[in-house]
Amino acid sequence: MTPRLVLGITGATGAVYGLRILQRARALGVQTHLIVTPAGVLNVHHELGLSRSELEAEADQAYAPADVGACIASGSFATAAMIVAPCSMKTLASVAHGFGDNLLTRAADVTLKERRRLILMVRETPFNLAHLRNMTAVTEMGGIVFPPLPAFYHHPKSIDEMVSDTVERVLELAGITAAQPQSWAGLRNSTS
């Protein structure tokens, strides 16, 4: 069976992560189910110059946030994982407190209740106490908080390389076994 991945894109900065996850998932043969919030659409247009329809064309299936009757709102629709990339603090708070008030947060709630992997690529800095408490709550429920922090030990030469490495790490964490993140090889010729 083809793996299914639910992807949410919110209005936080970092829309490139959501787009690249869609593109990489397609290359790996993963079926994608996309929900983009209204603020996510604005940010995708601002950061990437894409319209909603251009972004949705990258997914196998796209849904409106108000479509709470969509298949991904039910636990009977089996998925490998759900990723929210990027994840705003508003969406984090909604997930942390169980507000299934739109399809994105309902799908996240379903992912948690079914004990599937939920990965939130939170984008904000610095964190305030509410942010930290919401991240703790999501973690206690089984979710994974994954701020997209670049790994510099691979000596990336461009932003594109940093985004690609993060996307591969997230896809692997989501259970997509074909993902190919760079592994840490250890320090060579190090002295104590």
C-alpha atoms as a PDB file:
ATOM      1  CA  MET A   1       0.000   0.000   0.000  1.00  0.00           C
ATOM      2  CA  THR A   2       1.255   3.484  -0.868  1.00  0.00           C
ATOM      3  CA  PRO A   3       2.079   5.435   2.302  1.00  0.00           C
ATOM      4  CA  ARG A   4      -0.201   8.394   3.001  1.00  0.00           C
ATOM      5  CA  LEU A   5       1.035  11.614   4.533  1.00  0.00           C
ATOM      6  CA  VAL A   6      -1.149  14.466   5.760  1.00  0.00           C
ATOM      7  CA  LEU A   7       0.496  17.883   5.487  1.00  0.00           C
ATOM      8  CA  GLY A   8      -0.761  21.093   7.016  1.00  0.00           C
ATOM      9  CA  ILE A   9       0.650  24.487   6.084  1.00  0.00           C
ATOM     10  CA  THR A  10      -0.112  27.465   8.341  1.00  0.00           C
ATOM     11  CA  GLY A  11       0.750  31.163   8.267  1.00  0.00           C
ATOM     12  CA  ALA A  12       4.060  30.906  10.102  1.00  0.00           C
ATOM     13  CA  THR A  13       7.211  31.739   8.191  1.00  0.00           C
ATOM     14  CA  GLY A  14       8.920  28.828   6.468  1.00  0.00           C
ATOM     15  CA  ALA A  15       6.444  27.940   3.714  1.00  0.00           C
ATOM     16  CA  VAL A  16       9.348  26.449   1.772  1.00  0.00           C
ATOM     17  CA  TYR A  17       9.356  23.493   4.179  1.00  0.00           C
ATOM     18  CA  GLY A  18       5.773  22.593   3.325  1.00  0.00           C
ATOM     19  CA  LEU A  19       6.369  22.926  -0.414  1.00  0.00           C
ATOM     20  CA  ARG A  20       9.549  20.853  -0.312  1.00  0.00           C
ATOM     21  CA  ILE A  21       7.880  18.133   1.772  1.00  0.00           C
ATOM     22  CA  LEU A  22       5.184  17.864  -0.903  1.00  0.00           C
ATOM     23  CA  GLN A  23       7.759  17.694  -3.690  1.00  0.00           C
ATOM     24  CA  ARG A  24      10.018  15.204  -1.928  1.00  0.00           C
ATOM     25  CA  ALA A  25       7.098  13.005  -0.859  1.00  0.00           C
ATOM     26  CA  ARG A  26       5.942  12.804  -4.478  1.00  0.00           C
ATOM     27  CA  ALA A  27       9.452  11.819  -5.571  1.00  0.00           C
ATOM     28  CA  LEU A  28       9.442   9.071  -2.925  1.00  0.00           C
ATOM     29  CA  GLY A  29       6.038   7.705  -3.995  1.00  0.00           C
ATOM     30  CA  VAL A  30       4.176   8.961  -0.916  1.00  0.00           C
ATOM     31  CA  GLN A  31       0.534  10.031  -1.324  1.00  0.00           C
ATOM     32  CA  THR A  32       0.005  13.522   0.099  1.00  0.00           C
ATOM     33  CA  HIS A  33      -3.143  15.064   1.600  1.00  0.00           C
ATOM     34  CA  LEU A  34      -2.820  18.835   2.012  1.00  0.00           C
ATOM     35  CA  ILE A  35      -4.639  21.409   4.137  1.00  0.00           C
ATOM     36  CA  VAL A  36      -3.554  25.053   3.923  1.00  0.00           C
ATOM     37  CA  THR A  37      -4.994  27.650   6.280  1.00  0.00           C
ATOM     38  CA  PRO A  38      -5.987  31.088   4.932  1.00  0.00           C
ATOM     39  CA  ALA A  39      -2.912  32.622   6.594  1.00  0.00           C
ATOM     40  CA  GLY A  40      -0.861  29.812   5.071  1.00  0.00           C
ATOM     41  CA  VAL A  41      -2.073  30.800   1.603  1.00  0.00           C
ATOM     42  CA  LEU A  42      -1.028  34.405   2.247  1.00  0.00           C
ATOM     43  CA  ASN A  43       2.390  33.337   3.442  1.00  0.00           C
ATOM     44  CA  VAL A  44       2.953  30.877   0.569  1.00  0.00           C
ATOM     45  CA  HIS A  45       2.196  33.704  -1.838  1.00  0.00           C
ATOM     46  CA  HIS A  46       4.440  36.172   0.035  1.00  0.00           C
ATOM     47  CA  GLU A  47       7.419  33.841   0.546  1.00  0.00           C
ATOM     48  CA  LEU A  48       7.216  31.632  -2.559  1.00  0.00           C
ATOM     49  CA  GLY A  49       5.113  33.604  -5.045  1.00  0.00           C
ATOM     50  CA  LEU A  50       2.655  30.704  -5.407  1.00  0.00           C
ATOM     51  CA  SER A  51      -1.128  30.801  -5.502  1.00  0.00           C
ATOM     52  CA  ARG A  52      -3.302  28.340  -3.591  1.00  0.00           C
ATOM     53  CA  SER A  53      -3.977  26.380  -6.794  1.00  0.00           C
ATOM     54  CA  GLU A  54      -0.274  26.195  -7.681  1.00  0.00           C
ATOM     55  CA  LEU A  55       0.550  24.876  -4.214  1.00  0.00           C
ATOM     56  CA  GLU A  56      -2.364  22.435  -4.197  1.00  0.00           C
ATOM     57  CA  ALA A  57      -1.195  21.059  -7.572  1.00  0.00           C
ATOM     58  CA  GLU A  58       1.867  19.703  -5.725  1.00  0.00           C
ATOM     59  CA  ALA A  59      -0.359  17.448  -3.566  1.00  0.00           C
ATOM     60  CA  ASP A  60      -2.280  14.322  -4.489  1.00  0.00           C
ATOM     61  CA  GLN A  61      -5.352  15.650  -2.689  1.00  0.00           C
ATOM     62  CA  ALA A  62      -6.076  19.078  -1.213  1.00  0.00           C
ATOM     63  CA  TYR A  63      -8.830  20.068   1.196  1.00  0.00           C
ATOM     64  CA  ALA A  64     -10.352  23.320   2.397  1.00  0.00           C
ATOM     65  CA  PRO A  65      -9.834  24.042   6.104  1.00  0.00           C
ATOM     66  CA  ALA A  66     -13.612  24.173   6.596  1.00  0.00           C
ATOM     67  CA  ASP A  67     -14.097  20.673   5.122  1.00  0.00           C
ATOM     68  CA  VAL A  68     -14.310  18.894   8.474  1.00  0.00           C
ATOM     69  CA  GLY A  69     -16.120  15.996   6.804  1.00  0.00           C
ATOM     70  CA  ALA A  70     -13.087  15.094   4.669  1.00  0.00           C
ATOM     71  CA  CYS A  71     -11.647  11.586   4.887  1.00  0.00           C
ATOM     72  CA  ILE A  72      -8.587  12.778   6.837  1.00  0.00           C
ATOM     73  CA  ALA A  73     -10.902  13.879   9.673  1.00  0.00           C
ATOM     74  CA  SER A  74     -11.509  10.213  10.512  1.00  0.00           C
ATOM     75  CA  GLY A  75      -9.241   7.731  12.226  1.00  0.00           C
ATOM     76  CA  SER A  76     -10.485   5.084   9.807  1.00  0.00           C
ATOM     77  CA  PHE A  77      -8.418   6.776   7.071  1.00  0.00           C
ATOM     78  CA  ALA A  78      -5.006   5.214   7.688  1.00  0.00           C
ATOM     79  CA  THR A  79      -1.975   7.471   7.321  1.00  0.00           C
ATOM     80  CA  ALA A  80       1.719   7.109   8.074  1.00  0.00           C
ATOM     81  CA  ALA A  81       1.894  10.484   9.797  1.00  0.00           C
ATOM     82  CA  MET A  82       0.888  14.119   9.777  1.00  0.00           C
ATOM     83  CA  ILE A  83       3.327  17.005   9.483  1.00  0.00           C
ATOM     84  CA  VAL A  84       2.480  20.664  10.006  1.00  0.00           C
ATOM     85  CA  ALA A  85       5.135  22.670   8.172  1.00  0.00           C
ATOM     86  CA  PRO A  86       5.364  25.407   9.147  1.00  0.00           C
ATOM     87  CA  CYS A  87       3.299  25.335  12.324  1.00  0.00           C
ATOM     88  CA  SER A  88       2.120  28.649  13.759  1.00  0.00           C
ATOM     89  CA  MET A  89       1.781  29.194  17.489  1.00  0.00           C
ATOM     90  CA  LYS A  90      -1.989  29.488  16.964  1.00  0.00           C
ATOM     91  CA  THR A  91      -2.116  26.010  15.432  1.00  0.00           C
ATOM     92  CA  LEU A  92       0.185  24.651  18.138  1.00  0.00           C
ATOM     93  CA  ALA A  93      -2.180  26.045  20.792  1.00  0.00           C
ATOM     94  CA  SER A  94      -5.221  24.572  19.021  1.00  0.00           C
ATOM     95  CA  VAL A  95      -3.595  21.130  18.878  1.00  0.00           C
ATOM     96  CA  ALA A  96      -2.361  21.342  22.473  1.00  0.00           C
ATOM     97  CA  HIS A  97      -5.867  22.093  23.729  1.00  0.00           C
ATOM     98  CA  GLY A  98      -7.807  19.772  21.439  1.00  0.00           C
ATOM     99  CA  PHE A  99      -9.607  22.464  19.439  1.00  0.00           C
ATOM    100  CA  GLY A 100     -10.631  20.582  16.314  1.00  0.00           C
ATOM    101  CA  ASP A 101     -12.092  23.810  14.956  1.00  0.00           C
ATOM    102  CA  ASN A 102     -10.941  23.303  11.356  1.00  0.00           C
ATOM    103  CA  LEU A 103      -9.788  20.384   9.245  1.00  0.00           C
ATOM    104  CA  LEU A 104      -6.104  20.912   9.997  1.00  0.00           C
ATOM    105  CA  THR A 105      -6.537  20.820  13.766  1.00  0.00           C
ATOM    106  CA  ARG A 106      -9.127  18.026  13.528  1.00  0.00           C
ATOM    107  CA  ALA A 107      -6.705  15.923  11.451  1.00  0.00           C
ATOM    108  CA  ALA A 108      -3.973  16.595  14.027  1.00  0.00           C
ATOM    109  CA  ASP A 109      -6.316  15.529  16.825  1.00  0.00           C
ATOM    110  CA  VAL A 110      -7.185  12.344  14.909  1.00  0.00           C
ATOM    111  CA  THR A 111      -3.486  11.644  14.381  1.00  0.00           C
ATOM    112  CA  LEU A 112      -2.865  11.878  18.123  1.00  0.00           C
ATOM    113  CA  LYS A 113      -5.887   9.808  19.140  1.00  0.00           C
ATOM    114  CA  GLU A 114      -4.896   7.063  16.691  1.00  0.00           C
ATOM    115  CA  ARG A 115      -1.347   7.107  18.133  1.00  0.00           C
ATOM    116  CA  ARG A 116       0.168   8.040  14.778  1.00  0.00           C
ATOM    117  CA  ARG A 117       3.105  10.377  14.347  1.00  0.00           C
ATOM    118  CA  LEU A 118       2.281  14.069  14.487  1.00  0.00           C
ATOM    119  CA  ILE A 119       5.214  16.362  13.734  1.00  0.00           C
ATOM    120  CA  LEU A 120       4.838  20.099  14.290  1.00  0.00           C
ATOM    121  CA  MET A 121       7.535  22.237  12.690  1.00  0.00           C
ATOM    122  CA  VAL A 122       6.948  25.211  14.977  1.00  0.00           C
ATOM    123  CA  ARG A 123       8.150  28.609  13.829  1.00  0.00           C
ATOM    124  CA  GLU A 124       8.543  31.371  16.376  1.00  0.00           C
ATOM    125  CA  THR A 125      11.369  32.848  18.361  1.00  0.00           C
ATOM    126  CA  PRO A 126      11.859  33.571  21.140  1.00  0.00           C
ATOM    127  CA  PHE A 127       9.325  31.289  22.806  1.00  0.00           C
ATOM    128  CA  ASN A 128       7.118  32.656  25.541  1.00  0.00           C
ATOM    129  CA  LEU A 129       5.798  30.539  28.395  1.00  0.00           C
ATOM    130  CA  ALA A 130       2.509  29.764  26.614  1.00  0.00           C
ATOM    131  CA  HIS A 131       4.454  28.453  23.601  1.00  0.00           C
ATOM    132  CA  LEU A 132       6.609  26.245  25.817  1.00  0.00           C
ATOM    133  CA  ARG A 133       3.634  24.903  27.754  1.00  0.00           C
ATOM    134  CA  ASN A 134       1.779  24.120  24.530  1.00  0.00           C
ATOM    135  CA  MET A 135       4.844  22.297  23.174  1.00  0.00           C
ATOM    136  CA  THR A 136       5.027  20.311  26.403  1.00  0.00           C
ATOM    137  CA  ALA A 137       1.328  19.420  26.169  1.00  0.00           C
ATOM    138  CA  VAL A 138       1.671  18.208  22.564  1.00  0.00           C
ATOM    139  CA  THR A 139       4.767  16.190  23.494  1.00  0.00           C
ATOM    140  CA  GLU A 140       2.959  14.606  26.439  1.00  0.00           C
ATOM    141  CA  MET A 141       0.166  13.571  24.046  1.00  0.00           C
ATOM    142  CA  GLY A 142       2.673  11.826  21.784  1.00  0.00           C
ATOM    143  CA  GLY A 143       3.317  14.573  19.250  1.00  0.00           C
ATOM    144  CA  ILE A 144       6.771  15.616  18.133  1.00  0.00           C
ATOM    145  CA  VAL A 145       7.835  19.262  18.216  1.00  0.00           C
ATOM    146  CA  PHE A 146      10.425  19.788  15.502  1.00  0.00           C
ATOM    147  CA  PRO A 147      11.577  23.377  15.021  1.00  0.00           C
ATOM    148  CA  PRO A 148      13.336  23.415  11.641  1.00  0.00           C
ATOM    149  CA  LEU A 149      16.789  24.213  12.959  1.00  0.00           C
ATOM    150  CA  PRO A 150      19.565  23.657  10.422  1.00  0.00           C
ATOM    151  CA  ALA A 151      22.431  21.251  11.061  1.00  0.00           C
ATOM    152  CA  PHE A 152      25.663  23.094  10.358  1.00  0.00           C
ATOM    153  CA  TYR A 153      27.991  20.137  10.934  1.00  0.00           C
ATOM    154  CA  HIS A 154      27.437  19.024   7.322  1.00  0.00           C
ATOM    155  CA  HIS A 155      28.770  22.413   6.174  1.00  0.00           C
ATOM    156  CA  PRO A 156      25.778  23.373   4.017  1.00  0.00           C
ATOM    157  CA  LYS A 157      26.648  25.738   1.212  1.00  0.00           C
ATOM    158  CA  SER A 158      23.178  27.194   0.673  1.00  0.00           C
ATOM    159  CA  ILE A 159      19.775  27.710   2.214  1.00  0.00           C
ATOM    160  CA  ASP A 160      18.510  25.108  -0.249  1.00  0.00           C
ATOM    161  CA  GLU A 161      20.849  22.483   1.256  1.00  0.00           C
ATOM    162  CA  MET A 162      19.700  23.361   4.779  1.00  0.00           C
ATOM    163  CA  VAL A 163      16.029  23.060   3.795  1.00  0.00           C
ATOM    164  CA  SER A 164      16.662  19.766   1.989  1.00  0.00           C
ATOM    165  CA  ASP A 165      18.455  18.249   4.974  1.00  0.00           C
ATOM    166  CA  THR A 166      15.664  19.285   7.350  1.00  0.00           C
ATOM    167  CA  VAL A 167      12.982  17.904   5.012  1.00  0.00           C
ATOM    168  CA  GLU A 168      14.760  14.534   4.775  1.00  0.00           C
ATOM    169  CA  ARG A 169      15.054  14.367   8.580  1.00  0.00           C
ATOM    170  CA  VAL A 170      11.357  15.169   9.040  1.00  0.00           C
ATOM    171  CA  LEU A 171      10.245  12.643   6.433  1.00  0.00           C
ATOM    172  CA  GLU A 172      12.355   9.940   8.062  1.00  0.00           C
ATOM    173  CA  LEU A 173      10.866  10.863  11.443  1.00  0.00           C
ATOM    174  CA  ALA A 174       7.417  10.548   9.843  1.00  0.00           C
ATOM    175  CA  GLY A 175       8.223   6.930   9.010  1.00  0.00           C
ATOM    176  CA  ILE A 176       8.992   7.436   5.326  1.00  0.00           C
ATOM    177  CA  THR A 177      11.774   4.873   5.046  1.00  0.00           C
ATOM    178  CA  ALA A 178      12.922   6.043   1.610  1.00  0.00           C
ATOM    179  CA  ALA A 179      13.941   9.449   3.010  1.00  0.00           C
ATOM    180  CA  GLN A 180      17.688  10.030   2.971  1.00  0.00           C
ATOM    181  CA  PRO A 181      18.870  12.407   5.679  1.00  0.00           C
ATOM    182  CA  GLN A 182      22.594  12.926   6.037  1.00  0.00           C
ATOM    183  CA  SER A 183      24.018  10.961   8.920  1.00  0.00           C
ATOM    184  CA  TRP A 184      26.542  12.323  11.373  1.00  0.00           C
ATOM    185  CA  ALA A 185      29.822  10.563  10.610  1.00  0.00           C
ATOM    186  CA  GLY A 186      31.542  11.638  13.806  1.00  0.00           C
ATOM    187  CA  LEU A 187      34.606  13.759  14.205  1.00  0.00           C
ATOM    188  CA  ARG A 188      37.707  12.525  12.452  1.00  0.00           C
ATOM    189  CA  ASN A 189      41.190  12.955  13.901  1.00  0.00           C
ATOM    190  CA  SER A 190      39.791  14.665  16.959  1.00  0.00           C
ATOM    191  CA  THR A 191      41.967  15.059  19.984  1.00  0.00           C
ATOM    192  CA  SER A 192      40.845  15.058  23.579  1.00  0.00           C
END
